Amino acid sequence: MATCYTVMVSGMALFQPHIVADLGITVGTHNTANSLSTLVSIVGALVIGNVVDRVPGRLLGGVTVAVTVLALVGFRLPWRG
C-alpha cells in the first residue's frame, strides 16, 4: 500500500474522463462513489481489525469471499426500478 496506493490515487485523474465516458455517468457521480468507497473502507478496516482477532482465518476468508460474490452477482442481475 505504501508504494502503490499513492500512484493509483494520483493517476486516477488520467483515467477518470475515460471511465465516466464509458459508464455514462458524471464526474461528480464517480467522485461520490469513490468517496463513499473510501469511507466504507476506513470503517471496514476498523471493524475487520477487531474481528480478525476473534474469528478463525478460514471462516473469515470464506465469509468475505461469499459476500463479494453476492455483491458481484447483484451487479449483474437485471434489477427493475
N, C-alpha and C. Protein backbone atom coordinates (compact mmCIF):
# COMPACT_ATOMS: atom_id res chain seq x y z
N MET A 1 0.82 -1.19 0.00
CA MET A 1 0.00 0.00 0.00
C MET A 1 0.87 1.25 0.00
N ALA A 2 1.97 1.21 0.69
CA ALA A 2 2.81 2.40 0.80
C ALA A 2 3.39 2.80 -0.56
N THR A 3 3.63 1.85 -1.42
CA THR A 3 4.25 2.18 -2.70
C THR A 3 3.25 2.30 -3.85
N CYS A 4 2.17 1.57 -3.81
CA CYS A 4 1.25 1.52 -4.95
C CYS A 4 0.04 2.43 -4.81
N TYR A 5 -0.48 2.58 -3.61
CA TYR A 5 -1.74 3.31 -3.44
C TYR A 5 -1.62 4.76 -3.88
N THR A 6 -0.54 5.42 -3.51
CA THR A 6 -0.36 6.82 -3.87
C THR A 6 -0.30 7.00 -5.37
N VAL A 7 0.39 6.12 -6.05
CA VAL A 7 0.48 6.19 -7.51
C VAL A 7 -0.91 5.98 -8.13
N MET A 8 -1.67 5.04 -7.61
CA MET A 8 -3.01 4.77 -8.14
C MET A 8 -3.91 5.98 -7.95
N VAL A 9 -3.92 6.56 -6.76
CA VAL A 9 -4.78 7.70 -6.48
C VAL A 9 -4.35 8.91 -7.31
N SER A 10 -3.05 9.13 -7.41
CA SER A 10 -2.55 10.27 -8.18
C SER A 10 -2.83 10.10 -9.67
N GLY A 11 -2.79 8.88 -10.17
CA GLY A 11 -3.02 8.63 -11.59
C GLY A 11 -4.48 8.51 -11.97
N MET A 12 -5.39 8.50 -10.98
CA MET A 12 -6.81 8.32 -11.27
C MET A 12 -7.34 9.43 -12.18
N ALA A 13 -6.85 10.63 -12.03
CA ALA A 13 -7.33 11.74 -12.85
C ALA A 13 -7.05 11.52 -14.34
N LEU A 14 -6.03 10.76 -14.64
CA LEU A 14 -5.73 10.46 -16.04
C LEU A 14 -6.78 9.56 -16.67
N PHE A 15 -7.34 8.67 -15.87
CA PHE A 15 -8.30 7.69 -16.39
C PHE A 15 -9.75 8.08 -16.17
N GLN A 16 -9.98 9.05 -15.29
CA GLN A 16 -11.35 9.42 -14.94
C GLN A 16 -12.21 9.84 -16.14
N PRO A 17 -11.71 10.66 -17.05
CA PRO A 17 -12.56 11.02 -18.20
C PRO A 17 -12.99 9.80 -19.02
N HIS A 18 -12.11 8.83 -19.16
CA HIS A 18 -12.44 7.63 -19.92
C HIS A 18 -13.44 6.75 -19.17
N ILE A 19 -13.27 6.66 -17.85
CA ILE A 19 -14.16 5.84 -17.03
C ILE A 19 -15.58 6.40 -17.07
N VAL A 20 -15.72 7.71 -16.84
CA VAL A 20 -17.07 8.30 -16.81
C VAL A 20 -17.71 8.27 -18.18
N ALA A 21 -16.91 8.41 -19.24
CA ALA A 21 -17.47 8.32 -20.59
C ALA A 21 -17.96 6.90 -20.89
N ASP A 22 -17.18 5.91 -20.52
CA ASP A 22 -17.57 4.51 -20.76
C ASP A 22 -18.79 4.12 -19.95
N LEU A 23 -18.89 4.61 -18.71
CA LEU A 23 -20.01 4.26 -17.85
C LEU A 23 -21.23 5.13 -18.08
N GLY A 24 -21.05 6.26 -18.74
CA GLY A 24 -22.16 7.16 -18.98
C GLY A 24 -22.63 7.88 -17.72
N ILE A 25 -21.68 8.21 -16.84
CA ILE A 25 -22.01 8.91 -15.60
C ILE A 25 -21.26 10.23 -15.56
N THR A 26 -21.60 11.06 -14.59
CA THR A 26 -20.90 12.33 -14.45
C THR A 26 -19.65 12.16 -13.58
N VAL A 27 -18.78 13.13 -13.66
CA VAL A 27 -17.58 13.11 -12.82
C VAL A 27 -17.97 13.18 -11.35
N GLY A 28 -19.00 13.97 -11.04
CA GLY A 28 -19.47 14.07 -9.66
C GLY A 28 -19.96 12.74 -9.11
N THR A 29 -20.68 11.99 -9.94
CA THR A 29 -21.15 10.67 -9.51
C THR A 29 -19.98 9.74 -9.26
N HIS A 30 -19.01 9.77 -10.13
CA HIS A 30 -17.82 8.93 -9.98
C HIS A 30 -17.06 9.30 -8.71
N ASN A 31 -16.89 10.60 -8.46
CA ASN A 31 -16.17 11.03 -7.26
C ASN A 31 -16.95 10.70 -6.00
N THR A 32 -18.27 10.82 -6.05
CA THR A 32 -19.08 10.45 -4.89
C THR A 32 -18.93 8.97 -4.58
N ALA A 33 -18.97 8.13 -5.61
CA ALA A 33 -18.80 6.69 -5.41
C ALA A 33 -17.42 6.38 -4.82
N ASN A 34 -16.40 7.04 -5.30
CA ASN A 34 -15.05 6.81 -4.77
C ASN A 34 -14.94 7.29 -3.32
N SER A 35 -15.57 8.41 -3.01
CA SER A 35 -15.54 8.92 -1.63
C SER A 35 -16.26 7.97 -0.67
N LEU A 36 -17.43 7.50 -1.09
CA LEU A 36 -18.17 6.55 -0.25
C LEU A 36 -17.40 5.25 -0.07
N SER A 37 -16.77 4.80 -1.14
CA SER A 37 -15.96 3.59 -1.06
C SER A 37 -14.82 3.76 -0.06
N THR A 38 -14.19 4.91 -0.07
CA THR A 38 -13.10 5.18 0.86
C THR A 38 -13.60 5.20 2.30
N LEU A 39 -14.74 5.84 2.53
CA LEU A 39 -15.30 5.88 3.89
C LEU A 39 -15.68 4.48 4.39
N VAL A 40 -16.29 3.68 3.51
CA VAL A 40 -16.64 2.31 3.89
C VAL A 40 -15.37 1.50 4.18
N SER A 41 -14.33 1.73 3.41
CA SER A 41 -13.07 1.02 3.63
C SER A 41 -12.44 1.38 4.97
N ILE A 42 -12.52 2.65 5.34
CA ILE A 42 -11.96 3.08 6.62
C ILE A 42 -12.70 2.41 7.78
N VAL A 43 -14.03 2.48 7.74
CA VAL A 43 -14.82 1.86 8.80
C VAL A 43 -14.63 0.34 8.78
N GLY A 44 -14.63 -0.23 7.59
CA GLY A 44 -14.43 -1.68 7.46
C GLY A 44 -13.10 -2.13 8.02
N ALA A 45 -12.06 -1.34 7.80
CA ALA A 45 -10.74 -1.70 8.33
C ALA A 45 -10.75 -1.70 9.85
N LEU A 46 -11.45 -0.75 10.44
CA LEU A 46 -11.54 -0.71 11.91
C LEU A 46 -12.30 -1.93 12.44
N VAL A 47 -13.37 -2.29 11.76
CA VAL A 47 -14.18 -3.43 12.20
C VAL A 47 -13.43 -4.74 11.98
N ILE A 48 -12.87 -4.92 10.81
CA ILE A 48 -12.23 -6.20 10.48
C ILE A 48 -10.99 -6.42 11.35
N GLY A 49 -10.34 -5.34 11.78
CA GLY A 49 -9.20 -5.48 12.67
C GLY A 49 -9.57 -6.15 13.98
N ASN A 50 -10.74 -5.82 14.50
CA ASN A 50 -11.21 -6.45 15.74
C ASN A 50 -11.72 -7.87 15.48
N VAL A 51 -12.33 -8.09 14.34
CA VAL A 51 -12.90 -9.41 14.02
C VAL A 51 -11.79 -10.43 13.80
N VAL A 52 -10.69 -10.02 13.19
CA VAL A 52 -9.58 -10.94 12.88
C VAL A 52 -9.04 -11.61 14.13
N ASP A 53 -9.06 -10.89 15.25
CA ASP A 53 -8.55 -11.46 16.50
C ASP A 53 -9.46 -12.53 17.08
N ARG A 54 -10.74 -12.51 16.70
CA ARG A 54 -11.72 -13.41 17.32
C ARG A 54 -12.21 -14.54 16.43
N VAL A 55 -12.09 -14.41 15.11
CA VAL A 55 -12.67 -15.37 14.17
C VAL A 55 -11.53 -16.07 13.43
N PRO A 56 -11.65 -17.40 13.25
CA PRO A 56 -10.61 -18.13 12.51
C PRO A 56 -10.47 -17.59 11.07
N GLY A 57 -9.26 -17.60 10.58
CA GLY A 57 -8.96 -17.04 9.27
C GLY A 57 -9.74 -17.68 8.13
N ARG A 58 -9.88 -19.00 8.15
CA ARG A 58 -10.62 -19.68 7.08
C ARG A 58 -12.08 -19.26 7.05
N LEU A 59 -12.69 -19.14 8.21
CA LEU A 59 -14.08 -18.72 8.27
C LEU A 59 -14.23 -17.27 7.78
N LEU A 60 -13.36 -16.41 8.25
CA LEU A 60 -13.41 -15.01 7.84
C LEU A 60 -13.17 -14.87 6.34
N GLY A 61 -12.21 -15.61 5.82
CA GLY A 61 -11.95 -15.58 4.38
C GLY A 61 -13.14 -16.07 3.58
N GLY A 62 -13.75 -17.17 4.04
CA GLY A 62 -14.92 -17.71 3.34
C GLY A 62 -16.09 -16.76 3.34
N VAL A 63 -16.33 -16.11 4.46
CA VAL A 63 -17.45 -15.16 4.54
C VAL A 63 -17.19 -13.96 3.65
N THR A 64 -15.98 -13.42 3.66
CA THR A 64 -15.71 -12.24 2.83
C THR A 64 -15.77 -12.58 1.34
N VAL A 65 -15.31 -13.77 0.96
CA VAL A 65 -15.43 -14.17 -0.45
C VAL A 65 -16.89 -14.34 -0.83
N ALA A 66 -17.69 -14.94 0.04
CA ALA A 66 -19.12 -15.13 -0.24
C ALA A 66 -19.84 -13.79 -0.39
N VAL A 67 -19.53 -12.84 0.48
CA VAL A 67 -20.16 -11.51 0.38
C VAL A 67 -19.74 -10.82 -0.91
N THR A 68 -18.48 -10.95 -1.29
CA THR A 68 -18.01 -10.35 -2.53
C THR A 68 -18.71 -10.97 -3.74
N VAL A 69 -18.85 -12.28 -3.74
CA VAL A 69 -19.54 -12.96 -4.84
C VAL A 69 -20.99 -12.50 -4.93
N LEU A 70 -21.68 -12.41 -3.80
CA LEU A 70 -23.06 -11.94 -3.80
C LEU A 70 -23.17 -10.51 -4.33
N ALA A 71 -22.23 -9.65 -3.96
CA ALA A 71 -22.25 -8.28 -4.45
C ALA A 71 -22.04 -8.23 -5.95
N LEU A 72 -21.09 -9.01 -6.46
CA LEU A 72 -20.83 -9.02 -7.90
C LEU A 72 -21.99 -9.62 -8.69
N VAL A 73 -22.60 -10.65 -8.16
CA VAL A 73 -23.79 -11.23 -8.81
C VAL A 73 -24.92 -10.21 -8.80
N GLY A 74 -25.05 -9.48 -7.69
CA GLY A 74 -26.08 -8.45 -7.61
C GLY A 74 -25.93 -7.36 -8.65
N PHE A 75 -24.69 -7.05 -9.03
CA PHE A 75 -24.47 -6.07 -10.08
C PHE A 75 -24.95 -6.59 -11.44
N ARG A 76 -24.92 -7.88 -11.62
CA ARG A 76 -25.26 -8.46 -12.93
C ARG A 76 -26.74 -8.76 -13.08
N LEU A 77 -27.49 -8.79 -11.98
CA LEU A 77 -28.90 -9.10 -12.06
C LEU A 77 -29.66 -7.95 -12.71
N PRO A 78 -30.66 -8.27 -13.53
CA PRO A 78 -31.41 -7.21 -14.22
C PRO A 78 -32.47 -6.59 -13.30
N TRP A 79 -32.03 -5.69 -12.44
CA TRP A 79 -32.94 -5.04 -11.49
C TRP A 79 -33.89 -4.12 -12.25
N ARG A 80 -35.11 -4.13 -11.86
CA ARG A 80 -36.12 -3.27 -12.47
C ARG A 80 -36.50 -2.20 -11.46
N GLY A 81 -36.40 -0.94 -11.85
CA GLY A 81 -36.66 0.12 -10.90
C GLY A 81 -37.86 0.90 -11.12
